């Protein structure tokens, strides 16, 4: 949902900045469909173990751009949105989604570590 919402916000900003008229009703469903394909594919890609983090990010972004390029052809987006904009949008959204995910992982890890520390302290107190 984040990627779909972010895509729509960025598209609205693009529309205002470049005075392009975009019919949002069908585009919302098209972007949602593209995001389902993107997220399903990323889920499968993440099942493959890539040992280099930078290569993993490049594969992810490359896949996203490929899906957006094909979606642009299927849904005829190129009449209003240039290819470069789709690529930039993909990179920006991927970057922010990665930051949000890493922040959540860090928060969850800290919470788990605090709970483990409290449990250890409790066990140390109750030990004879």
N, C-alpha and C. Protein backbone atom coordinates (compact mmCIF):
# COMPACT_ATOMS: atom_id res chain seq x y z
N UNK A 1 0.83 -1.19 0.00
CA UNK A 1 0.00 0.00 0.00
C UNK A 1 0.87 1.26 0.00
N UNK A 2 1.99 1.19 0.71
CA UNK A 2 2.89 2.34 0.73
C UNK A 2 3.36 2.68 -0.67
N UNK A 3 3.78 1.67 -1.41
CA UNK A 3 4.31 1.95 -2.75
C UNK A 3 3.23 2.47 -3.68
N UNK A 4 2.02 1.96 -3.55
CA UNK A 4 0.93 2.46 -4.38
C UNK A 4 0.61 3.91 -4.03
N UNK A 5 0.49 4.19 -2.75
CA UNK A 5 0.21 5.56 -2.31
C UNK A 5 1.31 6.53 -2.70
N UNK A 6 2.55 6.11 -2.48
CA UNK A 6 3.68 6.97 -2.84
C UNK A 6 3.72 7.20 -4.35
N UNK A 7 3.42 6.18 -5.12
CA UNK A 7 3.39 6.33 -6.58
C UNK A 7 2.35 7.36 -7.00
N UNK A 8 1.19 7.31 -6.38
CA UNK A 8 0.12 8.24 -6.73
C UNK A 8 0.47 9.67 -6.33
N UNK A 9 1.09 9.83 -5.17
CA UNK A 9 1.49 11.18 -4.73
C UNK A 9 2.54 11.75 -5.68
N UNK A 10 3.54 10.96 -6.01
CA UNK A 10 4.59 11.43 -6.93
C UNK A 10 3.99 11.73 -8.30
N UNK A 11 3.05 10.91 -8.75
CA UNK A 11 2.39 11.16 -10.04
C UNK A 11 1.60 12.47 -10.00
N UNK A 12 0.94 12.74 -8.88
CA UNK A 12 0.19 13.99 -8.75
C UNK A 12 1.12 15.19 -8.77
N UNK A 13 2.26 15.09 -8.09
CA UNK A 13 3.25 16.18 -8.10
C UNK A 13 3.77 16.39 -9.53
N UNK A 14 4.09 15.30 -10.21
CA UNK A 14 4.55 15.38 -11.61
C UNK A 14 3.50 16.07 -12.46
N UNK A 15 2.26 15.68 -12.29
CA UNK A 15 1.16 16.24 -13.07
C UNK A 15 1.07 17.75 -12.88
N UNK A 16 1.21 18.21 -11.64
CA UNK A 16 1.15 19.63 -11.36
C UNK A 16 2.37 20.38 -11.87
N UNK A 17 3.55 19.80 -11.67
CA UNK A 17 4.79 20.48 -12.08
C UNK A 17 4.89 20.64 -13.60
N UNK A 18 4.46 19.64 -14.33
CA UNK A 18 4.61 19.66 -15.79
C UNK A 18 3.29 19.90 -16.52
N UNK A 19 2.26 20.30 -15.77
CA UNK A 19 0.94 20.61 -16.35
C UNK A 19 0.42 19.50 -17.26
N UNK A 20 0.55 18.26 -16.79
CA UNK A 20 0.02 17.10 -17.53
C UNK A 20 -1.30 16.69 -16.90
N UNK A 21 -2.30 16.47 -17.74
CA UNK A 21 -3.58 16.01 -17.23
C UNK A 21 -3.59 14.48 -17.21
N UNK A 22 -3.89 13.93 -16.03
CA UNK A 22 -3.89 12.48 -15.87
C UNK A 22 -5.25 12.05 -15.34
N UNK A 23 -5.83 11.06 -15.98
CA UNK A 23 -7.11 10.51 -15.52
C UNK A 23 -6.81 9.51 -14.41
N UNK A 24 -7.10 9.90 -13.19
CA UNK A 24 -6.65 9.13 -12.03
C UNK A 24 -7.43 7.85 -11.76
N UNK A 25 -8.70 7.78 -12.12
CA UNK A 25 -9.49 6.59 -11.79
C UNK A 25 -8.88 5.31 -12.36
N UNK A 26 -8.64 5.23 -13.67
CA UNK A 26 -8.03 3.98 -14.16
C UNK A 26 -6.56 3.84 -13.75
N UNK A 27 -5.87 4.98 -13.62
CA UNK A 27 -4.44 4.93 -13.27
C UNK A 27 -4.24 4.35 -11.88
N UNK A 28 -5.14 4.63 -10.95
CA UNK A 28 -5.02 4.08 -9.59
C UNK A 28 -5.01 2.56 -9.64
N UNK A 29 -5.94 1.99 -10.39
CA UNK A 29 -6.01 0.53 -10.49
C UNK A 29 -4.81 -0.03 -11.26
N UNK A 30 -4.35 0.70 -12.27
CA UNK A 30 -3.19 0.25 -13.03
C UNK A 30 -1.93 0.26 -12.16
N UNK A 31 -1.75 1.32 -11.39
CA UNK A 31 -0.58 1.40 -10.50
C UNK A 31 -0.67 0.32 -9.43
N UNK A 32 -1.87 0.10 -8.91
CA UNK A 32 -2.05 -0.95 -7.91
C UNK A 32 -1.69 -2.32 -8.51
N UNK A 33 -2.13 -2.58 -9.73
CA UNK A 33 -1.80 -3.85 -10.39
C UNK A 33 -0.30 -3.98 -10.60
N UNK A 34 0.35 -2.91 -11.05
CA UNK A 34 1.80 -2.95 -11.24
C UNK A 34 2.52 -3.20 -9.91
N UNK A 35 2.02 -2.60 -8.84
CA UNK A 35 2.65 -2.80 -7.53
C UNK A 35 2.45 -4.22 -7.01
N UNK A 36 1.34 -4.84 -7.34
CA UNK A 36 1.14 -6.24 -6.96
C UNK A 36 2.17 -7.12 -7.67
N UNK A 37 2.36 -6.87 -8.97
CA UNK A 37 3.36 -7.64 -9.73
C UNK A 37 4.76 -7.37 -9.17
N UNK A 38 5.07 -6.11 -8.87
CA UNK A 38 6.38 -5.76 -8.33
C UNK A 38 6.62 -6.46 -7.00
N UNK A 39 5.69 -6.34 -6.08
CA UNK A 39 5.88 -6.92 -4.75
C UNK A 39 5.89 -8.44 -4.77
N UNK A 40 5.09 -9.05 -5.64
CA UNK A 40 5.12 -10.51 -5.77
C UNK A 40 6.47 -10.97 -6.31
N UNK A 41 6.96 -10.28 -7.33
CA UNK A 41 8.26 -10.61 -7.90
C UNK A 41 9.40 -10.40 -6.92
N UNK A 42 9.35 -9.29 -6.16
CA UNK A 42 10.39 -9.04 -5.17
C UNK A 42 10.40 -10.12 -4.10
N UNK A 43 9.20 -10.58 -3.72
CA UNK A 43 9.12 -11.66 -2.73
C UNK A 43 9.85 -12.90 -3.26
N UNK A 44 9.66 -13.21 -4.53
CA UNK A 44 10.34 -14.37 -5.12
C UNK A 44 11.84 -14.12 -5.27
N UNK A 45 12.22 -12.90 -5.66
CA UNK A 45 13.64 -12.57 -5.79
C UNK A 45 14.34 -12.69 -4.45
N UNK A 46 13.67 -12.27 -3.38
CA UNK A 46 14.28 -12.32 -2.04
C UNK A 46 14.49 -13.74 -1.55
N UNK A 47 13.81 -14.69 -2.18
CA UNK A 47 14.02 -16.10 -1.83
C UNK A 47 15.38 -16.59 -2.34
N UNK A 48 15.88 -15.91 -3.37
CA UNK A 48 17.20 -16.24 -3.92
C UNK A 48 18.24 -15.53 -3.07
N UNK A 49 19.22 -16.26 -2.63
CA UNK A 49 20.23 -15.66 -1.77
C UNK A 49 21.32 -15.02 -2.62
N UNK A 50 21.41 -13.70 -2.54
CA UNK A 50 22.45 -12.95 -3.23
C UNK A 50 23.43 -12.46 -2.16
N UNK A 51 24.68 -12.80 -2.31
CA UNK A 51 25.67 -12.55 -1.26
C UNK A 51 26.14 -11.10 -1.19
N UNK A 52 25.89 -10.32 -2.22
CA UNK A 52 26.35 -8.93 -2.24
C UNK A 52 25.16 -8.00 -2.13
N UNK A 53 25.13 -7.18 -1.09
CA UNK A 53 23.98 -6.32 -0.84
C UNK A 53 23.74 -5.35 -1.99
N UNK A 54 24.79 -4.75 -2.52
CA UNK A 54 24.64 -3.80 -3.62
C UNK A 54 24.04 -4.49 -4.85
N UNK A 55 24.49 -5.69 -5.15
CA UNK A 55 23.94 -6.44 -6.28
C UNK A 55 22.46 -6.76 -6.04
N UNK A 56 22.12 -7.09 -4.81
CA UNK A 56 20.73 -7.37 -4.47
C UNK A 56 19.86 -6.14 -4.72
N UNK A 57 20.33 -4.96 -4.29
CA UNK A 57 19.59 -3.72 -4.52
C UNK A 57 19.45 -3.43 -6.01
N UNK A 58 20.53 -3.66 -6.76
CA UNK A 58 20.49 -3.41 -8.20
C UNK A 58 19.51 -4.35 -8.91
N UNK A 59 19.47 -5.60 -8.49
CA UNK A 59 18.52 -6.57 -9.07
C UNK A 59 17.09 -6.13 -8.75
N UNK A 60 16.86 -5.72 -7.50
CA UNK A 60 15.53 -5.26 -7.11
C UNK A 60 15.09 -4.06 -7.95
N UNK A 61 15.94 -3.05 -8.02
CA UNK A 61 15.59 -1.84 -8.75
C UNK A 61 15.44 -2.14 -10.25
N UNK A 62 16.31 -2.97 -10.79
CA UNK A 62 16.21 -3.35 -12.20
C UNK A 62 14.89 -4.04 -12.49
N UNK A 63 14.49 -4.95 -11.61
CA UNK A 63 13.21 -5.65 -11.77
C UNK A 63 12.05 -4.65 -11.72
N UNK A 64 12.10 -3.75 -10.76
CA UNK A 64 11.02 -2.76 -10.61
C UNK A 64 10.91 -1.90 -11.87
N UNK A 65 12.05 -1.42 -12.36
CA UNK A 65 12.03 -0.59 -13.57
C UNK A 65 11.51 -1.39 -14.76
N UNK A 66 11.89 -2.66 -14.87
CA UNK A 66 11.40 -3.50 -15.96
C UNK A 66 9.88 -3.66 -15.90
N UNK A 67 9.35 -3.92 -14.70
CA UNK A 67 7.90 -4.06 -14.55
C UNK A 67 7.20 -2.75 -14.91
N UNK A 68 7.77 -1.63 -14.46
CA UNK A 68 7.15 -0.34 -14.78
C UNK A 68 7.21 -0.05 -16.28
N UNK A 69 8.31 -0.42 -16.92
CA UNK A 69 8.44 -0.20 -18.37
C UNK A 69 7.39 -1.01 -19.13
N UNK A 70 7.23 -2.26 -18.75
CA UNK A 70 6.22 -3.11 -19.40
C UNK A 70 4.81 -2.61 -19.08
N UNK A 71 4.59 -2.22 -17.83
CA UNK A 71 3.27 -1.68 -17.45
C UNK A 71 2.97 -0.41 -18.24
N UNK A 72 4.00 0.41 -18.45
CA UNK A 72 3.81 1.63 -19.24
C UNK A 72 3.37 1.33 -20.66
N UNK A 73 3.92 0.25 -21.22
CA UNK A 73 3.49 -0.16 -22.57
C UNK A 73 2.08 -0.72 -22.55
N UNK A 74 1.79 -1.57 -21.58
CA UNK A 74 0.47 -2.21 -21.51
C UNK A 74 -0.63 -1.18 -21.26
N UNK A 75 -0.38 -0.26 -20.30
CA UNK A 75 -1.41 0.70 -19.89
C UNK A 75 -1.31 2.05 -20.63
N UNK A 76 -0.37 2.13 -21.59
CA UNK A 76 -0.22 3.35 -22.39
C UNK A 76 0.07 4.58 -21.52
N UNK A 77 0.98 4.44 -20.56
CA UNK A 77 1.34 5.56 -19.69
C UNK A 77 2.25 6.56 -20.40
N UNK A 78 2.93 6.13 -21.43
CA UNK A 78 3.95 6.99 -22.04
C UNK A 78 3.37 8.18 -22.79
N UNK A 79 2.07 8.24 -22.95
CA UNK A 79 1.47 9.42 -23.56
C UNK A 79 1.50 10.61 -22.60
N UNK A 80 1.55 10.34 -21.30
CA UNK A 80 1.57 11.43 -20.31
C UNK A 80 2.80 11.42 -19.42
N UNK A 81 3.42 10.26 -19.21
CA UNK A 81 4.55 10.14 -18.29
C UNK A 81 5.76 9.58 -19.05
N UNK A 82 6.89 10.29 -19.01
CA UNK A 82 8.08 9.78 -19.71
C UNK A 82 8.73 8.61 -18.98
N UNK A 83 9.48 7.83 -19.71
CA UNK A 83 10.15 6.65 -19.14
C UNK A 83 11.09 7.04 -18.01
N UNK A 84 11.83 8.14 -18.18
CA UNK A 84 12.78 8.55 -17.14
C UNK A 84 12.07 8.81 -15.82
N UNK A 85 10.84 9.33 -15.90
CA UNK A 85 10.08 9.60 -14.68
C UNK A 85 9.72 8.31 -13.96
N UNK A 86 9.35 7.28 -14.72
CA UNK A 86 9.05 5.99 -14.09
C UNK A 86 10.28 5.43 -13.39
N UNK A 87 11.44 5.54 -14.03
CA UNK A 87 12.68 5.02 -13.43
C UNK A 87 13.04 5.79 -12.17
N UNK A 88 12.95 7.11 -12.22
CA UNK A 88 13.26 7.92 -11.04
C UNK A 88 12.28 7.62 -9.91
N UNK A 89 11.01 7.51 -10.26
CA UNK A 89 9.99 7.18 -9.25
C UNK A 89 10.30 5.84 -8.59
N UNK A 90 10.67 4.86 -9.39
CA UNK A 90 11.00 3.53 -8.85
C UNK A 90 12.15 3.62 -7.86
N UNK A 91 13.19 4.34 -8.22
CA UNK A 91 14.37 4.45 -7.34
C UNK A 91 14.01 5.19 -6.06
N UNK A 92 13.28 6.29 -6.17
CA UNK A 92 12.92 7.09 -4.99
C UNK A 92 12.05 6.27 -4.03
N UNK A 93 11.03 5.62 -4.56
CA UNK A 93 10.14 4.83 -3.70
C UNK A 93 10.88 3.65 -3.10
N UNK A 94 11.72 2.99 -3.88
CA UNK A 94 12.50 1.86 -3.35
C UNK A 94 13.42 2.34 -2.22
N UNK A 95 14.05 3.49 -2.41
CA UNK A 95 14.94 4.06 -1.40
C UNK A 95 14.18 4.32 -0.10
N UNK A 96 13.04 5.00 -0.19
CA UNK A 96 12.27 5.30 1.02
C UNK A 96 11.69 4.04 1.66
N UNK A 97 11.23 3.10 0.87
CA UNK A 97 10.70 1.85 1.42
C UNK A 97 11.81 1.08 2.14
N UNK A 98 13.02 1.09 1.57
CA UNK A 98 14.15 0.41 2.22
C UNK A 98 14.49 1.08 3.54
N UNK A 99 14.50 2.40 3.57
CA UNK A 99 14.79 3.12 4.82
C UNK A 99 13.73 2.81 5.88
N UNK A 100 12.46 2.81 5.48
CA UNK A 100 11.38 2.51 6.42
C UNK A 100 11.52 1.08 6.93
N UNK A 101 11.81 0.14 6.05
CA UNK A 101 11.96 -1.25 6.45
C UNK A 101 13.14 -1.42 7.41
N UNK A 102 14.27 -0.82 7.09
CA UNK A 102 15.44 -0.93 7.96
C UNK A 102 15.19 -0.29 9.32
N UNK A 103 14.48 0.83 9.33
CA UNK A 103 14.14 1.49 10.60
C UNK A 103 13.24 0.59 11.44
N UNK A 104 12.26 -0.05 10.80
CA UNK A 104 11.37 -0.96 11.53
C UNK A 104 12.14 -2.16 12.05
N UNK A 105 13.04 -2.73 11.23
CA UNK A 105 13.86 -3.86 11.69
C UNK A 105 14.69 -3.46 12.90
N UNK A 106 15.30 -2.28 12.84
CA UNK A 106 16.12 -1.81 13.97
C UNK A 106 15.27 -1.65 15.23
N UNK A 107 14.08 -1.07 15.08
CA UNK A 107 13.18 -0.89 16.23
C UNK A 107 12.78 -2.25 16.80
N UNK A 108 12.39 -3.17 15.95
CA UNK A 108 12.01 -4.51 16.41
C UNK A 108 13.17 -5.22 17.09
N UNK A 109 14.37 -5.10 16.51
CA UNK A 109 15.55 -5.74 17.10
C UNK A 109 15.85 -5.17 18.47
N UNK A 110 15.75 -3.86 18.60
CA UNK A 110 15.98 -3.23 19.91
C UNK A 110 14.95 -3.68 20.94
N UNK A 111 13.70 -3.80 20.54
CA UNK A 111 12.66 -4.27 21.46
C UNK A 111 12.93 -5.71 21.90
N UNK A 112 13.31 -6.56 20.97
CA UNK A 112 13.60 -7.95 21.31
C UNK A 112 14.80 -8.03 22.25
N UNK A 113 15.84 -7.25 21.96
CA UNK A 113 17.02 -7.24 22.83
C UNK A 113 16.68 -6.75 24.23
N UNK A 114 15.84 -5.74 24.35
CA UNK A 114 15.42 -5.25 25.66
C UNK A 114 14.64 -6.32 26.42
N UNK A 115 13.74 -7.01 25.74
CA UNK A 115 12.98 -8.08 26.38
C UNK A 115 13.90 -9.21 26.83
N UNK A 116 14.88 -9.57 26.02
CA UNK A 116 15.84 -10.62 26.40
C UNK A 116 16.66 -10.18 27.61
N UNK A 117 17.07 -8.92 27.61
CA UNK A 117 17.84 -8.41 28.74
C UNK A 117 17.02 -8.45 30.02
N UNK A 118 15.76 -8.05 29.97
CA UNK A 118 14.88 -8.10 31.14
C UNK A 118 14.70 -9.54 31.61
N UNK A 119 14.56 -10.46 30.68
CA UNK A 119 14.40 -11.87 31.04
C UNK A 119 15.66 -12.40 31.72
N UNK A 120 16.83 -12.05 31.20
CA UNK A 120 18.10 -12.48 31.81
C UNK A 120 18.22 -11.92 33.22
N UNK A 121 17.88 -10.65 33.38
CA UNK A 121 17.96 -10.03 34.70
C UNK A 121 17.00 -10.72 35.67
N UNK A 122 15.82 -11.05 35.20
CA UNK A 122 14.84 -11.74 36.03
C UNK A 122 15.34 -13.12 36.43
N UNK A 123 15.97 -13.82 35.48
CA UNK A 123 16.51 -15.15 35.77
C UNK A 123 17.69 -15.05 36.74
N UNK A 124 18.52 -14.04 36.62
CA UNK A 124 19.66 -13.86 37.52
C UNK A 124 19.19 -13.59 38.94
N UNK A 125 18.12 -12.83 39.10
CA UNK A 125 17.59 -12.51 40.43
C UNK A 125 16.99 -13.76 41.08
N UNK A 126 16.28 -14.55 40.29
CA UNK A 126 15.59 -15.73 40.85
C UNK A 126 16.53 -16.93 41.02
N UNK A 127 17.74 -16.87 40.46
CA UNK A 127 18.67 -18.00 40.58
C UNK A 127 19.22 -18.07 42.01
N UNK A 128 19.40 -19.30 42.58
CA UNK A 128 19.87 -19.43 43.98
C UNK A 128 21.32 -19.08 44.14
